[in-house]
Amino acid sequence: MAEETPAPSNGQAAPQMQMALQKIYARDVSFEVPNAPKVFQEEGQPQVQLNLSHKATPIEGDNYEVVLTLTVTCTLNERTAYLAEVHQAGVFSFTGFDPQNLSVVLATYCPNVLFPFARQVISDLVLNGGFPPLLLQPINFDALYAEQQRQQAGQDGGNIRPALNA
């Protein structure tokens, strides 16, 4: 038996929001070991820093290219041990999204889809570069987006939040 969805009472069909992943690809990949081979003989505690960003660009029709950029810099004794960077991209299509919902999906859902691919590329680069394995922890893109929205609201609205002293 088929399941029917009741139509809205005003006689208009509710808009359907649909999203589809068209393609995932590595747009740019880079790995550098500027202090090789000396870096492999040094001892000490490595410091790893992760920088990430994303960009959504409209392309033909209802399609968007979303690029998640991960840059990992590892320093050892204040010298760069390695620098790994990946621009992981995907083409996503959207129909029926209002601008606010589309903005949220482009900033949260799409990077969440791309992150595991970028994390694997970074891991492979580091391991193949002769360094111990690096496993990046999951990232909460929803929380990052919410924080970005709070910061923008504070700047736009002139609201000053009190600083918390620990």
N, C-alpha and C. Protein backbone atom coordinates (compact mmCIF):
# COMPACT_ATOMS: atom_id res chain seq x y z
N MET A 1 0.84 -1.17 0.00
CA MET A 1 0.00 0.00 0.00
C MET A 1 0.90 1.24 0.00
N ALA A 2 0.61 2.18 -0.87
CA ALA A 2 1.40 3.40 -0.98
C ALA A 2 1.02 4.38 0.11
N GLU A 3 2.02 5.07 0.59
CA GLU A 3 1.78 6.07 1.64
C GLU A 3 1.62 7.43 0.98
N GLU A 4 0.57 8.16 1.36
CA GLU A 4 0.32 9.47 0.78
C GLU A 4 0.59 10.55 1.81
N THR A 5 1.16 11.64 1.34
CA THR A 5 1.39 12.79 2.20
C THR A 5 0.28 13.79 1.94
N PRO A 6 -0.42 14.23 2.99
CA PRO A 6 -1.50 15.18 2.77
C PRO A 6 -0.98 16.50 2.20
N ALA A 7 -1.73 17.08 1.28
CA ALA A 7 -1.36 18.35 0.67
C ALA A 7 -1.68 19.48 1.64
N PRO A 8 -0.94 20.59 1.56
CA PRO A 8 -1.26 21.73 2.41
C PRO A 8 -2.67 22.21 2.15
N SER A 9 -3.29 22.79 3.15
CA SER A 9 -4.70 23.17 3.07
C SER A 9 -4.96 24.28 2.07
N ASN A 10 -3.98 25.07 1.69
CA ASN A 10 -4.20 26.17 0.74
C ASN A 10 -4.13 25.71 -0.72
N GLY A 11 -3.95 24.44 -0.94
CA GLY A 11 -3.95 23.89 -2.29
C GLY A 11 -2.60 23.93 -2.98
N GLN A 12 -1.56 24.50 -2.34
CA GLN A 12 -0.24 24.55 -2.95
C GLN A 12 0.62 23.42 -2.41
N ALA A 13 1.43 22.86 -3.28
CA ALA A 13 2.33 21.79 -2.84
C ALA A 13 3.49 22.39 -2.05
N ALA A 14 3.89 21.70 -0.99
CA ALA A 14 5.02 22.16 -0.19
C ALA A 14 6.31 21.96 -1.00
N PRO A 15 7.20 22.95 -0.98
CA PRO A 15 8.44 22.80 -1.73
C PRO A 15 9.29 21.68 -1.15
N GLN A 16 9.86 20.89 -2.02
CA GLN A 16 10.71 19.78 -1.60
C GLN A 16 12.16 20.22 -1.62
N MET A 17 12.83 20.05 -0.49
CA MET A 17 14.26 20.33 -0.46
C MET A 17 14.98 19.04 -0.81
N GLN A 18 15.81 19.11 -1.83
CA GLN A 18 16.57 17.95 -2.26
C GLN A 18 18.03 18.35 -2.46
N MET A 19 18.88 17.42 -2.08
CA MET A 19 20.31 17.64 -2.21
C MET A 19 20.91 16.36 -2.78
N ALA A 20 21.91 16.53 -3.64
CA ALA A 20 22.58 15.37 -4.21
C ALA A 20 24.08 15.66 -4.32
N LEU A 21 24.86 14.66 -4.00
CA LEU A 21 26.31 14.74 -4.14
C LEU A 21 26.65 14.26 -5.54
N GLN A 22 27.27 15.13 -6.33
CA GLN A 22 27.60 14.79 -7.71
C GLN A 22 29.00 14.20 -7.85
N LYS A 23 29.96 14.76 -7.10
CA LYS A 23 31.36 14.35 -7.29
C LYS A 23 32.18 14.78 -6.09
N ILE A 24 33.18 13.95 -5.73
CA ILE A 24 34.16 14.29 -4.71
C ILE A 24 35.54 14.11 -5.34
N TYR A 25 36.43 15.08 -5.13
CA TYR A 25 37.76 15.00 -5.73
C TYR A 25 38.75 15.83 -4.94
N ALA A 26 40.02 15.47 -5.07
CA ALA A 26 41.11 16.24 -4.47
C ALA A 26 41.47 17.34 -5.47
N ARG A 27 41.24 18.57 -5.09
CA ARG A 27 41.48 19.70 -6.00
C ARG A 27 42.95 20.10 -6.00
N ASP A 28 43.58 20.04 -4.83
CA ASP A 28 45.00 20.40 -4.72
C ASP A 28 45.57 19.67 -3.51
N VAL A 29 46.78 19.14 -3.66
CA VAL A 29 47.45 18.41 -2.57
C VAL A 29 48.91 18.85 -2.55
N SER A 30 49.42 19.08 -1.34
CA SER A 30 50.81 19.51 -1.20
C SER A 30 51.40 18.90 0.06
N PHE A 31 52.67 18.49 -0.02
CA PHE A 31 53.40 17.99 1.15
C PHE A 31 54.84 18.45 1.05
N GLU A 32 55.34 19.06 2.12
CA GLU A 32 56.71 19.56 2.13
C GLU A 32 57.42 19.12 3.40
N VAL A 33 58.68 18.77 3.26
CA VAL A 33 59.57 18.47 4.40
C VAL A 33 60.79 19.36 4.20
N PRO A 34 60.69 20.63 4.63
CA PRO A 34 61.75 21.59 4.31
C PRO A 34 63.09 21.32 4.99
N ASN A 35 63.10 20.60 6.10
CA ASN A 35 64.35 20.37 6.83
C ASN A 35 64.83 18.92 6.75
N ALA A 36 64.43 18.21 5.69
CA ALA A 36 64.89 16.84 5.51
C ALA A 36 66.33 16.86 5.02
N PRO A 37 67.15 15.93 5.36
CA PRO A 37 66.89 14.76 6.19
C PRO A 37 67.19 15.00 7.68
N LYS A 38 67.67 16.20 8.03
CA LYS A 38 68.03 16.46 9.43
C LYS A 38 66.86 16.27 10.39
N VAL A 39 65.64 16.59 9.94
CA VAL A 39 64.48 16.51 10.83
C VAL A 39 64.24 15.09 11.34
N PHE A 40 64.66 14.09 10.58
CA PHE A 40 64.44 12.70 10.99
C PHE A 40 65.39 12.26 12.10
N GLN A 41 66.44 13.05 12.34
CA GLN A 41 67.40 12.72 13.39
C GLN A 41 67.16 13.50 14.67
N GLU A 42 66.29 14.49 14.62
CA GLU A 42 66.03 15.32 15.79
C GLU A 42 65.10 14.61 16.76
N GLU A 43 65.29 14.93 18.04
CA GLU A 43 64.41 14.40 19.08
C GLU A 43 63.66 15.55 19.70
N GLY A 44 62.53 15.25 20.26
CA GLY A 44 61.71 16.27 20.89
C GLY A 44 60.24 15.96 20.69
N GLN A 45 59.42 16.81 21.24
CA GLN A 45 57.97 16.63 21.14
C GLN A 45 57.44 17.47 19.98
N PRO A 46 56.91 16.82 18.94
CA PRO A 46 56.38 17.58 17.81
C PRO A 46 55.10 18.33 18.21
N GLN A 47 54.92 19.49 17.63
CA GLN A 47 53.71 20.29 17.82
C GLN A 47 52.96 20.33 16.49
N VAL A 48 51.69 19.92 16.51
CA VAL A 48 50.90 19.87 15.29
C VAL A 48 49.81 20.93 15.37
N GLN A 49 49.70 21.72 14.31
CA GLN A 49 48.67 22.76 14.23
C GLN A 49 47.82 22.49 12.99
N LEU A 50 46.50 22.56 13.16
CA LEU A 50 45.56 22.36 12.06
C LEU A 50 44.83 23.66 11.78
N ASN A 51 44.85 24.08 10.54
CA ASN A 51 44.03 25.21 10.09
C ASN A 51 43.06 24.69 9.06
N LEU A 52 41.82 25.13 9.15
CA LEU A 52 40.84 24.68 8.16
C LEU A 52 39.98 25.83 7.72
N SER A 53 39.51 25.71 6.50
CA SER A 53 38.58 26.69 5.95
C SER A 53 37.75 25.98 4.88
N HIS A 54 36.68 26.62 4.50
CA HIS A 54 35.89 26.08 3.40
C HIS A 54 35.32 27.24 2.59
N LYS A 55 35.02 26.92 1.33
CA LYS A 55 34.48 27.92 0.43
C LYS A 55 33.45 27.24 -0.46
N ALA A 56 32.30 27.88 -0.62
CA ALA A 56 31.26 27.37 -1.50
C ALA A 56 31.09 28.35 -2.65
N THR A 57 31.17 27.82 -3.87
CA THR A 57 31.06 28.64 -5.06
C THR A 57 29.94 28.12 -5.94
N PRO A 58 28.98 28.98 -6.30
CA PRO A 58 27.93 28.50 -7.21
C PRO A 58 28.50 28.22 -8.59
N ILE A 59 28.07 27.12 -9.17
CA ILE A 59 28.43 26.81 -10.55
C ILE A 59 27.11 26.63 -11.30
N GLU A 60 27.12 26.15 -12.47
CA GLU A 60 25.92 26.11 -13.31
C GLU A 60 24.71 25.48 -12.62
N GLY A 61 23.55 26.06 -12.91
CA GLY A 61 22.30 25.54 -12.36
C GLY A 61 22.24 25.70 -10.85
N ASP A 62 21.75 24.66 -10.19
CA ASP A 62 21.64 24.64 -8.73
C ASP A 62 22.83 23.95 -8.09
N ASN A 63 23.95 23.91 -8.79
CA ASN A 63 25.14 23.21 -8.30
C ASN A 63 26.11 24.17 -7.62
N TYR A 64 26.80 23.62 -6.62
CA TYR A 64 27.83 24.36 -5.90
C TYR A 64 29.07 23.49 -5.77
N GLU A 65 30.22 24.14 -5.93
CA GLU A 65 31.47 23.47 -5.60
C GLU A 65 31.84 23.92 -4.19
N VAL A 66 32.03 22.95 -3.31
CA VAL A 66 32.46 23.24 -1.95
C VAL A 66 33.87 22.70 -1.79
N VAL A 67 34.79 23.56 -1.33
CA VAL A 67 36.18 23.17 -1.15
C VAL A 67 36.52 23.31 0.34
N LEU A 68 36.92 22.20 0.93
CA LEU A 68 37.38 22.17 2.32
C LEU A 68 38.91 22.13 2.28
N THR A 69 39.54 23.10 2.92
CA THR A 69 41.00 23.18 2.93
C THR A 69 41.51 22.85 4.32
N LEU A 70 42.37 21.85 4.40
CA LEU A 70 43.04 21.48 5.65
C LEU A 70 44.53 21.72 5.48
N THR A 71 45.12 22.44 6.41
CA THR A 71 46.56 22.67 6.41
C THR A 71 47.10 22.22 7.75
N VAL A 72 48.01 21.25 7.71
CA VAL A 72 48.63 20.73 8.93
C VAL A 72 50.10 21.12 8.92
N THR A 73 50.51 21.81 9.99
CA THR A 73 51.90 22.20 10.14
C THR A 73 52.45 21.52 11.39
N CYS A 74 53.51 20.76 11.23
CA CYS A 74 54.16 20.08 12.35
C CYS A 74 55.52 20.72 12.56
N THR A 75 55.75 21.19 13.79
CA THR A 75 57.05 21.76 14.12
C THR A 75 57.73 20.89 15.16
N LEU A 76 59.04 20.85 15.08
CA LEU A 76 59.86 20.09 16.02
C LEU A 76 61.03 20.98 16.39
N ASN A 77 61.14 21.30 17.66
CA ASN A 77 62.20 22.21 18.14
C ASN A 77 62.18 23.53 17.37
N GLU A 78 60.97 24.07 17.20
CA GLU A 78 60.73 25.37 16.55
C GLU A 78 61.11 25.42 15.07
N ARG A 79 61.30 24.26 14.45
CA ARG A 79 61.55 24.19 13.01
C ARG A 79 60.45 23.34 12.38
N THR A 80 60.10 23.68 11.17
CA THR A 80 59.04 22.94 10.48
C THR A 80 59.52 21.55 10.12
N ALA A 81 58.81 20.54 10.65
CA ALA A 81 59.10 19.16 10.29
C ALA A 81 58.42 18.83 8.96
N TYR A 82 57.11 19.17 8.87
CA TYR A 82 56.39 18.98 7.61
C TYR A 82 55.21 19.92 7.53
N LEU A 83 54.76 20.11 6.32
CA LEU A 83 53.60 20.91 6.03
C LEU A 83 52.77 20.13 5.02
N ALA A 84 51.55 19.79 5.39
CA ALA A 84 50.65 19.05 4.51
C ALA A 84 49.39 19.87 4.29
N GLU A 85 48.97 19.94 3.03
CA GLU A 85 47.76 20.70 2.73
C GLU A 85 46.96 19.97 1.67
N VAL A 86 45.65 19.95 1.88
CA VAL A 86 44.75 19.35 0.90
C VAL A 86 43.53 20.25 0.73
N HIS A 87 43.14 20.41 -0.54
CA HIS A 87 41.91 21.11 -0.88
C HIS A 87 40.97 20.01 -1.39
N GLN A 88 40.11 19.53 -0.52
CA GLN A 88 39.18 18.46 -0.87
C GLN A 88 37.89 19.11 -1.34
N ALA A 89 37.44 18.75 -2.53
CA ALA A 89 36.29 19.42 -3.12
C ALA A 89 35.17 18.45 -3.43
N GLY A 90 33.99 19.01 -3.55
CA GLY A 90 32.82 18.24 -3.95
C GLY A 90 31.86 19.12 -4.71
N VAL A 91 31.11 18.52 -5.61
CA VAL A 91 30.05 19.22 -6.32
C VAL A 91 28.73 18.70 -5.76
N PHE A 92 27.93 19.63 -5.25
CA PHE A 92 26.65 19.30 -4.64
C PHE A 92 25.56 20.05 -5.40
N SER A 93 24.41 19.41 -5.57
CA SER A 93 23.27 20.10 -6.20
C SER A 93 22.16 20.23 -5.17
N PHE A 94 21.45 21.37 -5.24
CA PHE A 94 20.40 21.69 -4.28
C PHE A 94 19.18 22.20 -5.02
N THR A 95 18.02 21.76 -4.60
CA THR A 95 16.77 22.30 -5.12
C THR A 95 15.82 22.51 -3.95
N GLY A 96 15.08 23.60 -4.01
CA GLY A 96 14.06 23.87 -3.00
C GLY A 96 14.57 24.46 -1.70
N PHE A 97 15.82 24.87 -1.62
CA PHE A 97 16.36 25.44 -0.39
C PHE A 97 16.22 26.96 -0.41
N ASP A 98 15.75 27.54 0.69
CA ASP A 98 15.76 28.99 0.80
C ASP A 98 17.19 29.42 1.11
N PRO A 99 17.54 30.68 0.92
CA PRO A 99 18.93 31.12 1.11
C PRO A 99 19.50 30.81 2.50
N GLN A 100 18.71 30.96 3.56
CA GLN A 100 19.21 30.70 4.91
C GLN A 100 19.55 29.22 5.09
N ASN A 101 18.64 28.33 4.70
CA ASN A 101 18.91 26.89 4.84
C ASN A 101 20.06 26.45 3.95
N LEU A 102 20.15 27.02 2.75
CA LEU A 102 21.24 26.68 1.85
C LEU A 102 22.58 27.08 2.46
N SER A 103 22.63 28.25 3.07
CA SER A 103 23.86 28.73 3.71
C SER A 103 24.30 27.77 4.82
N VAL A 104 23.35 27.31 5.62
CA VAL A 104 23.66 26.39 6.72
C VAL A 104 24.19 25.06 6.17
N VAL A 105 23.54 24.52 5.15
CA VAL A 105 23.95 23.24 4.59
C VAL A 105 25.33 23.33 3.94
N LEU A 106 25.59 24.42 3.24
CA LEU A 106 26.90 24.61 2.60
C LEU A 106 28.02 24.74 3.62
N ALA A 107 27.71 25.29 4.80
CA ALA A 107 28.73 25.52 5.82
C ALA A 107 28.88 24.37 6.80
N THR A 108 27.91 23.46 6.86
CA THR A 108 27.96 22.38 7.86
C THR A 108 27.95 21.00 7.23
N TYR A 109 26.91 20.69 6.50
CA TYR A 109 26.76 19.35 5.94
C TYR A 109 27.85 19.03 4.92
N CYS A 110 28.07 19.95 3.98
CA CYS A 110 29.05 19.69 2.92
C CYS A 110 30.46 19.48 3.47
N PRO A 111 30.97 20.35 4.37
CA PRO A 111 32.28 20.06 4.95
C PRO A 111 32.32 18.74 5.72
N ASN A 112 31.21 18.37 6.38
CA ASN A 112 31.15 17.08 7.07
C ASN A 112 31.30 15.92 6.10
N VAL A 113 30.75 16.04 4.92
CA VAL A 113 30.88 15.00 3.91
C VAL A 113 32.32 14.92 3.41
N LEU A 114 32.96 16.07 3.21
CA LEU A 114 34.30 16.12 2.63
C LEU A 114 35.41 15.78 3.62
N PHE A 115 35.18 16.04 4.92
CA PHE A 115 36.25 15.89 5.90
C PHE A 115 36.89 14.50 5.95
N PRO A 116 36.13 13.41 5.96
CA PRO A 116 36.80 12.09 6.02
C PRO A 116 37.75 11.84 4.85
N PHE A 117 37.42 12.35 3.68
CA PHE A 117 38.30 12.19 2.51
C PHE A 117 39.57 13.01 2.70
N ALA A 118 39.43 14.26 3.16
CA ALA A 118 40.59 15.11 3.40
C ALA A 118 41.47 14.55 4.50
N ARG A 119 40.85 14.02 5.56
CA ARG A 119 41.61 13.45 6.67
C ARG A 119 42.44 12.26 6.19
N GLN A 120 41.88 11.44 5.31
CA GLN A 120 42.61 10.29 4.78
C GLN A 120 43.79 10.72 3.92
N VAL A 121 43.59 11.74 3.10
CA VAL A 121 44.68 12.24 2.26
C VAL A 121 45.82 12.77 3.14
N ILE A 122 45.48 13.56 4.16
CA ILE A 122 46.49 14.09 5.07
C ILE A 122 47.24 12.94 5.76
N SER A 123 46.50 11.96 6.24
CA SER A 123 47.11 10.82 6.92
C SER A 123 48.09 10.09 6.00
N ASP A 124 47.67 9.85 4.77
CA ASP A 124 48.54 9.17 3.81
C ASP A 124 49.79 9.99 3.48
N LEU A 125 49.62 11.30 3.32
CA LEU A 125 50.77 12.16 3.03
C LEU A 125 51.80 12.11 4.15
N VAL A 126 51.33 12.22 5.39
CA VAL A 126 52.23 12.24 6.54
C VAL A 126 52.96 10.90 6.66
N LEU A 127 52.23 9.81 6.55
CA LEU A 127 52.82 8.48 6.66
C LEU A 127 53.81 8.22 5.53
N ASN A 128 53.43 8.56 4.31
CA ASN A 128 54.32 8.36 3.16
C ASN A 128 55.51 9.31 3.18
N GLY A 129 55.39 10.38 3.96
CA GLY A 129 56.51 11.32 4.10
C GLY A 129 57.53 10.87 5.13
N GLY A 130 57.32 9.71 5.75
CA GLY A 130 58.29 9.16 6.69
C GLY A 130 58.04 9.53 8.14
N PHE A 131 56.86 10.03 8.45
CA PHE A 131 56.54 10.44 9.81
C PHE A 131 55.55 9.48 10.45
N PRO A 132 55.44 9.51 11.78
CA PRO A 132 54.44 8.66 12.45
C PRO A 132 53.04 9.01 11.98
N PRO A 133 52.12 8.06 12.04
CA PRO A 133 50.75 8.30 11.57
C PRO A 133 50.11 9.50 12.29
N LEU A 134 49.30 10.23 11.55
CA LEU A 134 48.55 11.35 12.09
C LEU A 134 47.08 11.10 11.83
N LEU A 135 46.30 11.01 12.90
CA LEU A 135 44.86 10.83 12.76
C LEU A 135 44.18 12.07 13.31
N LEU A 136 43.61 12.86 12.41
CA LEU A 136 42.90 14.06 12.83
C LEU A 136 41.58 13.67 13.47
N GLN A 137 41.26 14.33 14.57
CA GLN A 137 40.01 14.06 15.26
C GLN A 137 38.84 14.64 14.49
N PRO A 138 37.64 14.07 14.65
CA PRO A 138 36.46 14.63 13.97
C PRO A 138 36.26 16.10 14.34
N ILE A 139 35.65 16.83 13.44
CA ILE A 139 35.39 18.25 13.64
C ILE A 139 33.89 18.47 13.62
N ASN A 140 33.41 19.27 14.56
CA ASN A 140 32.00 19.60 14.64
C ASN A 140 31.74 20.88 13.84
N PHE A 141 31.41 20.73 12.58
CA PHE A 141 31.19 21.88 11.71
C PHE A 141 29.93 22.65 12.11
N ASP A 142 28.96 21.96 12.73
CA ASP A 142 27.76 22.66 13.22
C ASP A 142 28.14 23.66 14.30
N ALA A 143 29.00 23.26 15.23
CA ALA A 143 29.44 24.15 16.31
C ALA A 143 30.28 25.29 15.75
N LEU A 144 31.14 25.01 14.77
CA LEU A 144 31.94 26.07 14.15
C LEU A 144 31.05 27.10 13.47
N TYR A 145 30.03 26.64 12.78
CA TYR A 145 29.10 27.55 12.11
C TYR A 145 28.33 28.38 13.13
N ALA A 146 27.88 27.74 14.19
CA ALA A 146 27.14 28.47 15.24
C ALA A 146 28.02 29.54 15.87
N GLU A 147 29.27 29.23 16.12
CA GLU A 147 30.20 30.21 16.70
C GLU A 147 30.44 31.37 15.73
N GLN A 148 30.58 31.04 14.46
CA GLN A 148 30.78 32.08 13.44
C GLN A 148 29.56 33.01 13.40
N GLN A 149 28.37 32.44 13.49
CA GLN A 149 27.14 33.23 13.49
C GLN A 149 27.08 34.13 14.73
N ARG A 150 27.47 33.61 15.89
CA ARG A 150 27.48 34.40 17.12
C ARG A 150 28.45 35.57 16.99
N GLN A 151 29.62 35.31 16.42
CA GLN A 151 30.62 36.37 16.25
C GLN A 151 30.10 37.44 15.30
N GLN A 152 29.47 37.03 14.21
CA GLN A 152 28.95 38.00 13.25
C GLN A 152 27.82 38.81 13.87
N ALA A 153 26.97 38.17 14.66
CA ALA A 153 25.87 38.88 15.32
C ALA A 153 26.43 39.90 16.31
N GLY A 154 27.51 39.56 16.98
CA GLY A 154 28.14 40.48 17.92
C GLY A 154 28.74 41.67 17.22
N GLN A 155 29.32 41.46 16.05
CA GLN A 155 29.93 42.55 15.29
C GLN A 155 28.86 43.42 14.64
N ASP A 156 27.86 42.77 14.04
CA ASP A 156 26.83 43.51 13.32
C ASP A 156 25.90 44.26 14.25
N GLY A 157 25.57 43.65 15.38
CA GLY A 157 24.60 44.25 16.28
C GLY A 157 25.22 45.17 17.32
N GLY A 158 26.52 45.24 17.36
CA GLY A 158 27.17 46.07 18.34
C GLY A 158 27.09 45.50 19.74
N ASN A 159 26.67 44.27 19.86
CA ASN A 159 26.59 43.64 21.18
C ASN A 159 27.98 43.31 21.68
N ILE A 160 28.24 43.64 22.89
CA ILE A 160 29.52 43.31 23.50
C ILE A 160 29.27 42.24 24.55
N ARG A 161 29.93 41.13 24.37
CA ARG A 161 29.79 40.06 25.36
C ARG A 161 30.86 40.22 26.41
N PRO A 162 30.51 40.03 27.66
CA PRO A 162 31.52 40.17 28.71
C PRO A 162 32.54 39.06 28.61
N ALA A 163 33.79 39.42 28.88
CA ALA A 163 34.85 38.41 28.88
C ALA A 163 34.77 37.60 30.16
N LEU A 164 35.01 36.33 30.04
CA LEU A 164 34.99 35.45 31.20
C LEU A 164 36.42 35.25 31.68
N ASN A 165 36.64 35.48 32.93
CA ASN A 165 37.96 35.26 33.50
C ASN A 165 38.00 33.90 34.15
N ALA A 166 38.99 33.12 33.78
CA ALA A 166 39.11 31.79 34.37
C ALA A 166 40.07 31.82 35.52
